[in-house]
N, C-alpha and C. Protein backbone atom coordinates (compact mmCIF):
# COMPACT_ATOMS: atom_id res chain seq x y z
N UNK A 1 -50.59 -0.14 -64.73
CA UNK A 1 -49.28 0.21 -64.32
C UNK A 1 -48.47 0.61 -65.64
N UNK A 2 -47.70 1.63 -65.51
CA UNK A 2 -46.99 2.09 -66.73
C UNK A 2 -45.75 1.29 -66.95
N UNK A 3 -45.33 1.25 -68.18
CA UNK A 3 -44.22 0.31 -68.63
C UNK A 3 -42.87 0.75 -68.03
N UNK A 4 -42.57 2.00 -67.87
CA UNK A 4 -41.22 2.30 -67.23
C UNK A 4 -41.19 1.87 -65.76
N UNK A 5 -42.29 1.98 -65.08
CA UNK A 5 -42.30 1.56 -63.65
C UNK A 5 -42.10 0.02 -63.61
N UNK A 6 -42.74 -0.70 -64.46
CA UNK A 6 -42.59 -2.14 -64.49
C UNK A 6 -41.16 -2.52 -64.82
N UNK A 7 -40.62 -1.81 -65.84
CA UNK A 7 -39.25 -2.15 -66.26
C UNK A 7 -38.22 -1.77 -65.14
N UNK A 8 -38.45 -0.71 -64.49
CA UNK A 8 -37.54 -0.32 -63.33
C UNK A 8 -37.67 -1.35 -62.19
N UNK A 9 -38.86 -1.77 -61.90
CA UNK A 9 -39.04 -2.71 -60.85
C UNK A 9 -38.37 -4.10 -61.24
N UNK A 10 -38.62 -4.57 -62.44
CA UNK A 10 -38.01 -5.84 -62.81
C UNK A 10 -36.51 -5.74 -62.89
N UNK A 11 -36.02 -4.55 -63.33
CA UNK A 11 -34.55 -4.38 -63.40
C UNK A 11 -33.94 -4.39 -61.98
N UNK A 12 -34.62 -3.76 -61.02
CA UNK A 12 -34.10 -3.73 -59.58
C UNK A 12 -34.09 -5.14 -59.04
N UNK A 13 -35.18 -5.88 -59.24
CA UNK A 13 -35.27 -7.25 -58.71
C UNK A 13 -34.18 -8.11 -59.38
N UNK A 14 -33.95 -7.91 -60.67
CA UNK A 14 -32.86 -8.70 -61.36
C UNK A 14 -31.53 -8.43 -60.72
N UNK A 15 -31.21 -7.12 -60.43
CA UNK A 15 -29.98 -6.77 -59.91
C UNK A 15 -29.77 -7.35 -58.45
N UNK A 16 -30.85 -7.24 -57.67
CA UNK A 16 -30.80 -7.87 -56.37
C UNK A 16 -30.49 -9.36 -56.46
N UNK A 17 -31.17 -10.03 -57.30
CA UNK A 17 -30.99 -11.45 -57.44
C UNK A 17 -29.56 -11.81 -57.99
N UNK A 18 -29.05 -10.98 -58.82
CA UNK A 18 -27.67 -11.18 -59.24
C UNK A 18 -26.70 -10.96 -58.11
N UNK A 19 -26.94 -9.99 -57.25
CA UNK A 19 -26.13 -9.76 -56.04
C UNK A 19 -26.20 -11.00 -55.13
N UNK A 20 -27.38 -11.60 -54.98
CA UNK A 20 -27.55 -12.70 -54.09
C UNK A 20 -26.80 -13.90 -54.68
N UNK A 21 -26.91 -14.04 -55.99
CA UNK A 21 -26.15 -15.19 -56.67
C UNK A 21 -24.63 -14.94 -56.40
N UNK A 22 -24.14 -13.69 -56.58
CA UNK A 22 -22.76 -13.40 -56.32
C UNK A 22 -22.30 -13.73 -54.94
N UNK A 23 -23.16 -13.41 -53.95
CA UNK A 23 -22.81 -13.66 -52.52
C UNK A 23 -22.76 -15.12 -52.31
N UNK A 24 -23.69 -15.93 -52.91
CA UNK A 24 -23.76 -17.30 -52.74
C UNK A 24 -22.56 -18.02 -53.32
N UNK A 25 -22.08 -17.46 -54.52
CA UNK A 25 -20.87 -18.00 -55.09
C UNK A 25 -19.68 -17.74 -54.27
N UNK A 26 -19.56 -16.52 -53.72
CA UNK A 26 -18.45 -16.23 -52.83
C UNK A 26 -18.41 -17.12 -51.61
N UNK A 27 -19.62 -17.38 -51.05
CA UNK A 27 -19.65 -18.33 -49.97
C UNK A 27 -19.15 -19.73 -50.33
N UNK A 28 -19.63 -20.18 -51.53
CA UNK A 28 -19.23 -21.48 -52.02
C UNK A 28 -17.72 -21.56 -52.29
N UNK A 29 -17.17 -20.49 -52.80
CA UNK A 29 -15.66 -20.46 -53.02
C UNK A 29 -14.97 -20.54 -51.68
N UNK A 30 -15.48 -19.82 -50.62
CA UNK A 30 -14.86 -19.89 -49.31
C UNK A 30 -15.01 -21.30 -48.76
N UNK A 31 -16.10 -21.90 -48.98
CA UNK A 31 -16.29 -23.28 -48.52
C UNK A 31 -15.42 -24.25 -49.18
N UNK A 32 -15.19 -24.11 -50.46
CA UNK A 32 -14.30 -24.99 -51.22
C UNK A 32 -12.82 -24.82 -50.80
N UNK A 33 -12.46 -23.60 -50.50
CA UNK A 33 -11.08 -23.29 -50.09
C UNK A 33 -10.89 -23.85 -48.75
N UNK A 34 -11.86 -23.59 -47.81
CA UNK A 34 -11.71 -24.15 -46.46
C UNK A 34 -11.63 -25.67 -46.41
N UNK A 35 -12.37 -26.30 -47.36
CA UNK A 35 -12.32 -27.71 -47.47
C UNK A 35 -10.91 -28.15 -47.89
N UNK A 36 -10.33 -27.51 -48.78
CA UNK A 36 -8.94 -27.80 -49.23
C UNK A 36 -7.92 -27.63 -48.02
N UNK A 37 -8.17 -26.51 -47.29
CA UNK A 37 -7.23 -26.22 -46.20
C UNK A 37 -7.42 -27.24 -45.09
N UNK A 38 -8.68 -27.63 -44.76
CA UNK A 38 -8.91 -28.61 -43.68
C UNK A 38 -8.46 -30.02 -44.05
N UNK A 39 -8.52 -30.46 -45.37
CA UNK A 39 -8.14 -31.70 -45.75
C UNK A 39 -6.61 -31.72 -46.01
N UNK A 40 -6.03 -30.62 -46.23
CA UNK A 40 -4.64 -30.62 -46.51
C UNK A 40 -4.18 -31.03 -47.89
N UNK A 41 -5.17 -31.32 -48.73
CA UNK A 41 -4.81 -31.75 -50.11
C UNK A 41 -5.63 -30.96 -51.09
N UNK A 42 -5.04 -30.72 -52.29
CA UNK A 42 -5.85 -30.02 -53.34
C UNK A 42 -6.14 -31.15 -54.37
N UNK A 43 -7.48 -31.31 -54.65
CA UNK A 43 -7.85 -32.34 -55.58
C UNK A 43 -8.33 -31.61 -56.86
N UNK A 44 -8.38 -32.32 -57.97
CA UNK A 44 -8.79 -31.85 -59.24
C UNK A 44 -10.36 -31.37 -59.13
N UNK A 45 -11.09 -32.08 -58.44
CA UNK A 45 -12.51 -31.70 -58.32
C UNK A 45 -12.67 -30.32 -57.58
N UNK A 46 -11.69 -30.04 -56.66
CA UNK A 46 -11.79 -28.73 -55.97
C UNK A 46 -11.47 -27.61 -57.01
N UNK A 47 -10.41 -27.85 -57.85
CA UNK A 47 -10.01 -26.89 -58.82
C UNK A 47 -11.21 -26.64 -59.80
N UNK A 48 -11.80 -27.73 -60.32
CA UNK A 48 -12.89 -27.65 -61.30
C UNK A 48 -14.06 -26.78 -60.68
N UNK A 49 -14.36 -27.11 -59.42
CA UNK A 49 -15.45 -26.38 -58.76
C UNK A 49 -15.11 -24.89 -58.63
N UNK A 50 -13.88 -24.57 -58.32
CA UNK A 50 -13.43 -23.18 -58.23
C UNK A 50 -13.53 -22.52 -59.55
N UNK A 51 -13.17 -23.21 -60.62
CA UNK A 51 -13.27 -22.71 -61.97
C UNK A 51 -14.66 -22.40 -62.36
N UNK A 52 -15.62 -23.28 -62.00
CA UNK A 52 -17.03 -23.09 -62.29
C UNK A 52 -17.52 -21.78 -61.52
N UNK A 53 -17.06 -21.71 -60.24
CA UNK A 53 -17.50 -20.50 -59.43
C UNK A 53 -16.90 -19.26 -60.10
N UNK A 54 -15.66 -19.25 -60.57
CA UNK A 54 -15.04 -18.16 -61.21
C UNK A 54 -15.83 -17.76 -62.40
N UNK A 55 -16.25 -18.67 -63.26
CA UNK A 55 -17.05 -18.36 -64.42
C UNK A 55 -18.31 -17.69 -64.08
N UNK A 56 -18.99 -18.19 -63.00
CA UNK A 56 -20.25 -17.55 -62.54
C UNK A 56 -19.94 -16.16 -62.09
N UNK A 57 -18.85 -15.94 -61.36
CA UNK A 57 -18.59 -14.55 -60.88
C UNK A 57 -18.34 -13.60 -62.04
N UNK A 58 -17.62 -14.16 -63.04
CA UNK A 58 -17.31 -13.31 -64.25
C UNK A 58 -18.63 -12.96 -64.95
N UNK A 59 -19.51 -13.94 -65.09
CA UNK A 59 -20.85 -13.65 -65.73
C UNK A 59 -21.58 -12.61 -64.95
N UNK A 60 -21.59 -12.64 -63.68
CA UNK A 60 -22.29 -11.68 -62.88
C UNK A 60 -21.63 -10.29 -63.06
N UNK A 61 -20.28 -10.23 -63.03
CA UNK A 61 -19.57 -9.08 -63.20
C UNK A 61 -19.85 -8.41 -64.59
N UNK A 62 -19.86 -9.22 -65.65
CA UNK A 62 -20.15 -8.71 -66.96
C UNK A 62 -21.57 -8.11 -67.05
N UNK A 63 -22.54 -8.83 -66.31
CA UNK A 63 -23.88 -8.30 -66.31
C UNK A 63 -23.95 -6.89 -65.65
N UNK A 64 -23.19 -6.70 -64.57
CA UNK A 64 -23.26 -5.35 -63.89
C UNK A 64 -22.53 -4.37 -64.70
N UNK A 65 -21.51 -4.70 -65.50
CA UNK A 65 -20.85 -3.65 -66.27
C UNK A 65 -21.50 -3.42 -67.62
N UNK A 66 -22.18 -4.38 -68.27
CA UNK A 66 -22.76 -4.18 -69.53
C UNK A 66 -24.26 -4.28 -69.54
N UNK A 67 -24.81 -4.93 -68.55
CA UNK A 67 -26.26 -5.21 -68.50
C UNK A 67 -26.73 -6.35 -69.35
N UNK A 68 -25.72 -7.15 -69.89
CA UNK A 68 -26.01 -8.22 -70.67
C UNK A 68 -25.24 -9.52 -70.21
N UNK A 69 -25.71 -10.70 -70.45
CA UNK A 69 -24.97 -11.91 -70.10
C UNK A 69 -24.64 -12.57 -71.43
N UNK A 70 -23.36 -12.72 -71.63
CA UNK A 70 -22.83 -13.39 -72.84
C UNK A 70 -23.21 -14.91 -72.82
N UNK A 71 -23.59 -15.40 -73.95
CA UNK A 71 -24.05 -16.82 -74.05
C UNK A 71 -22.96 -17.77 -73.72
N UNK A 72 -21.66 -17.40 -74.02
CA UNK A 72 -20.61 -18.31 -73.91
C UNK A 72 -20.29 -18.73 -72.47
N UNK A 73 -20.58 -17.91 -71.49
CA UNK A 73 -20.26 -18.22 -70.06
C UNK A 73 -21.11 -19.38 -69.57
N UNK A 74 -22.42 -19.44 -69.80
CA UNK A 74 -23.23 -20.65 -69.44
C UNK A 74 -22.71 -21.86 -70.16
N UNK A 75 -22.23 -21.70 -71.39
CA UNK A 75 -21.73 -22.86 -72.18
C UNK A 75 -20.48 -23.45 -71.45
N UNK A 76 -19.50 -22.51 -71.05
CA UNK A 76 -18.39 -22.91 -70.34
C UNK A 76 -18.71 -23.64 -69.07
N UNK A 77 -19.61 -23.04 -68.31
CA UNK A 77 -20.05 -23.65 -67.08
C UNK A 77 -20.57 -24.99 -67.22
N UNK A 78 -21.47 -25.17 -68.27
CA UNK A 78 -22.07 -26.51 -68.56
C UNK A 78 -20.99 -27.51 -68.91
N UNK A 79 -20.01 -27.05 -69.76
CA UNK A 79 -18.95 -28.07 -70.17
C UNK A 79 -18.15 -28.51 -68.92
N UNK A 80 -17.78 -27.57 -68.12
CA UNK A 80 -16.99 -27.94 -66.90
C UNK A 80 -17.79 -28.81 -65.88
N UNK A 81 -19.04 -28.44 -65.77
CA UNK A 81 -19.90 -29.25 -64.86
C UNK A 81 -20.07 -30.61 -65.42
N UNK A 82 -20.30 -30.84 -66.67
CA UNK A 82 -20.36 -32.18 -67.30
C UNK A 82 -19.10 -32.94 -67.17
N UNK A 83 -17.94 -32.26 -67.42
CA UNK A 83 -16.67 -32.87 -67.31
C UNK A 83 -16.39 -33.38 -65.86
N UNK A 84 -16.74 -32.54 -64.90
CA UNK A 84 -16.59 -32.87 -63.46
C UNK A 84 -17.48 -34.12 -63.12
N UNK A 85 -18.71 -34.09 -63.66
CA UNK A 85 -19.61 -35.17 -63.44
C UNK A 85 -19.05 -36.50 -63.99
N UNK A 86 -18.57 -36.49 -65.23
CA UNK A 86 -18.00 -37.71 -65.82
C UNK A 86 -16.79 -38.14 -65.00
N UNK A 87 -15.98 -37.24 -64.57
CA UNK A 87 -14.70 -37.56 -63.88
C UNK A 87 -14.91 -38.11 -62.52
N UNK A 88 -15.86 -37.64 -61.78
CA UNK A 88 -15.95 -37.93 -60.35
C UNK A 88 -17.14 -38.65 -59.89
N UNK A 89 -18.10 -38.90 -60.77
CA UNK A 89 -19.28 -39.66 -60.41
C UNK A 89 -19.19 -41.04 -61.08
N UNK A 90 -19.92 -41.94 -60.57
CA UNK A 90 -19.96 -43.30 -61.08
C UNK A 90 -20.89 -43.41 -62.35
N UNK A 91 -20.31 -42.97 -63.45
CA UNK A 91 -21.00 -42.97 -64.72
C UNK A 91 -20.53 -44.10 -65.60
N UNK A 92 -21.43 -44.93 -66.04
CA UNK A 92 -21.04 -46.12 -66.79
C UNK A 92 -21.85 -46.25 -68.07
N UNK A 93 -21.36 -46.99 -69.00
CA UNK A 93 -22.08 -47.33 -70.25
C UNK A 93 -22.47 -46.25 -71.11
N UNK A 94 -23.64 -46.26 -71.58
CA UNK A 94 -24.13 -45.28 -72.58
C UNK A 94 -24.29 -43.93 -71.94
N UNK A 95 -24.43 -43.81 -70.66
CA UNK A 95 -24.49 -42.55 -70.00
C UNK A 95 -23.23 -41.69 -70.17
N UNK A 96 -22.12 -42.35 -70.14
CA UNK A 96 -20.85 -41.66 -70.31
C UNK A 96 -20.75 -41.09 -71.76
N UNK A 97 -21.24 -41.90 -72.72
CA UNK A 97 -21.20 -41.48 -74.15
C UNK A 97 -22.14 -40.31 -74.31
N UNK A 98 -23.34 -40.32 -73.65
CA UNK A 98 -24.26 -39.21 -73.80
C UNK A 98 -23.69 -37.92 -73.22
N UNK A 99 -23.05 -38.04 -72.09
CA UNK A 99 -22.44 -36.85 -71.43
C UNK A 99 -21.29 -36.31 -72.28
N UNK A 100 -20.51 -37.17 -72.81
CA UNK A 100 -19.36 -36.79 -73.68
C UNK A 100 -19.94 -36.03 -74.97
N UNK A 101 -20.97 -36.65 -75.48
CA UNK A 101 -21.59 -36.03 -76.66
C UNK A 101 -22.14 -34.63 -76.33
N UNK A 102 -22.66 -34.52 -75.14
CA UNK A 102 -23.20 -33.22 -74.67
C UNK A 102 -22.09 -32.20 -74.60
N UNK A 103 -20.92 -32.62 -74.06
CA UNK A 103 -19.77 -31.69 -74.04
C UNK A 103 -19.35 -31.28 -75.41
N UNK A 104 -19.29 -32.30 -76.37
CA UNK A 104 -18.87 -32.00 -77.77
C UNK A 104 -19.91 -31.02 -78.36
N UNK A 105 -21.19 -31.18 -78.05
CA UNK A 105 -22.21 -30.27 -78.67
C UNK A 105 -21.98 -28.88 -78.12
N UNK A 106 -21.74 -28.76 -76.76
CA UNK A 106 -21.44 -27.44 -76.20
C UNK A 106 -20.23 -26.77 -76.84
N UNK A 107 -19.18 -27.64 -77.07
CA UNK A 107 -17.96 -27.08 -77.73
C UNK A 107 -18.26 -26.60 -79.10
N UNK A 108 -19.09 -27.34 -79.85
CA UNK A 108 -19.42 -26.92 -81.22
C UNK A 108 -20.23 -25.63 -81.15
N UNK A 109 -21.02 -25.46 -80.17
CA UNK A 109 -21.82 -24.25 -79.94
C UNK A 109 -20.81 -23.03 -79.78
N UNK A 110 -19.75 -23.26 -78.94
CA UNK A 110 -18.76 -22.22 -78.75
C UNK A 110 -18.06 -21.83 -80.00
N UNK A 111 -17.77 -22.83 -80.76
CA UNK A 111 -17.10 -22.65 -82.08
C UNK A 111 -17.95 -21.83 -82.97
N UNK A 112 -19.28 -22.26 -82.99
CA UNK A 112 -20.20 -21.50 -83.87
C UNK A 112 -20.37 -20.03 -83.42
N UNK A 113 -20.36 -19.83 -82.12
CA UNK A 113 -20.43 -18.44 -81.64
C UNK A 113 -19.22 -17.64 -82.05
N UNK A 114 -18.04 -18.25 -81.99
CA UNK A 114 -16.83 -17.49 -82.35
C UNK A 114 -16.84 -17.19 -83.85
N UNK A 115 -17.26 -18.08 -84.70
CA UNK A 115 -17.36 -17.76 -86.11
C UNK A 115 -18.48 -16.81 -86.37
N UNK A 116 -19.53 -16.79 -85.72
CA UNK A 116 -20.60 -15.84 -85.87
C UNK A 116 -20.06 -14.45 -85.55
N UNK A 117 -19.34 -14.33 -84.46
CA UNK A 117 -18.77 -13.01 -84.05
C UNK A 117 -17.82 -12.56 -85.16
N UNK A 118 -17.01 -13.43 -85.73
CA UNK A 118 -16.09 -13.00 -86.77
C UNK A 118 -16.94 -12.60 -88.02
N UNK A 119 -17.93 -13.25 -88.36
CA UNK A 119 -18.69 -12.92 -89.54
C UNK A 119 -19.50 -11.63 -89.36
N UNK A 120 -20.07 -11.42 -88.14
CA UNK A 120 -20.87 -10.23 -87.92
C UNK A 120 -20.03 -9.02 -87.86
N UNK A 121 -18.78 -9.14 -87.20
CA UNK A 121 -17.90 -8.00 -87.12
C UNK A 121 -17.02 -7.73 -88.34
N UNK A 122 -17.11 -8.62 -89.27
CA UNK A 122 -16.27 -8.51 -90.52
C UNK A 122 -16.69 -7.29 -91.27
N UNK A 123 -15.74 -6.52 -91.60
CA UNK A 123 -16.02 -5.25 -92.38
C UNK A 123 -15.55 -5.48 -93.79
N UNK A 124 -16.20 -4.78 -94.71
CA UNK A 124 -15.78 -4.84 -96.13
C UNK A 124 -14.47 -3.99 -96.28
N UNK A 125 -13.91 -3.98 -97.54
CA UNK A 125 -12.69 -3.21 -97.76
C UNK A 125 -12.97 -1.70 -97.66
N UNK A 126 -11.95 -1.07 -97.19
CA UNK A 126 -12.06 0.40 -96.98
C UNK A 126 -12.09 1.08 -98.41
N UNK A 127 -13.05 1.94 -98.58
CA UNK A 127 -13.14 2.67 -99.83
C UNK A 127 -12.50 4.04 -99.76
N UNK A 128 -11.72 4.48 -100.68
CA UNK A 128 -11.19 5.81 -100.63
C UNK A 128 -12.26 6.84 -100.62
N UNK A 129 -11.96 7.95 -99.90
CA UNK A 129 -12.91 9.02 -99.86
C UNK A 129 -12.92 9.83 -101.16
N UNK A 130 -14.00 10.17 -101.65
CA UNK A 130 -14.11 11.00 -102.87
C UNK A 130 -14.23 12.46 -102.49
N UNK A 131 -13.35 13.27 -103.19
CA UNK A 131 -13.34 14.69 -102.86
C UNK A 131 -14.21 15.42 -103.84
């Protein structure tokens, strides 16, 4: 099998799977909103879930516009998922410390990515043109 055919096939499968993910996230958003409407109350856990779904939708949107997935979006999703888990599940003792340390580690990774982008995109001083 030639390489371009394999690349085109895997690229098409990847796009289809991203569309499926996008559709599933839209369904989950609708489900979360209908839960809020049926219960008549908005809870913090509903807002956190909608934020996670929004980050996933943005990640899929960026994939379709650039063909790449930025690393920072999965880090954001992980941080919010861990924060939601700590806040609304029965987490006690050392487990809560481990989860909090995981959030701190993800936050440090985001800071490192921000500094990396600044260092990589940093340009030297402009030199005057010589005639």
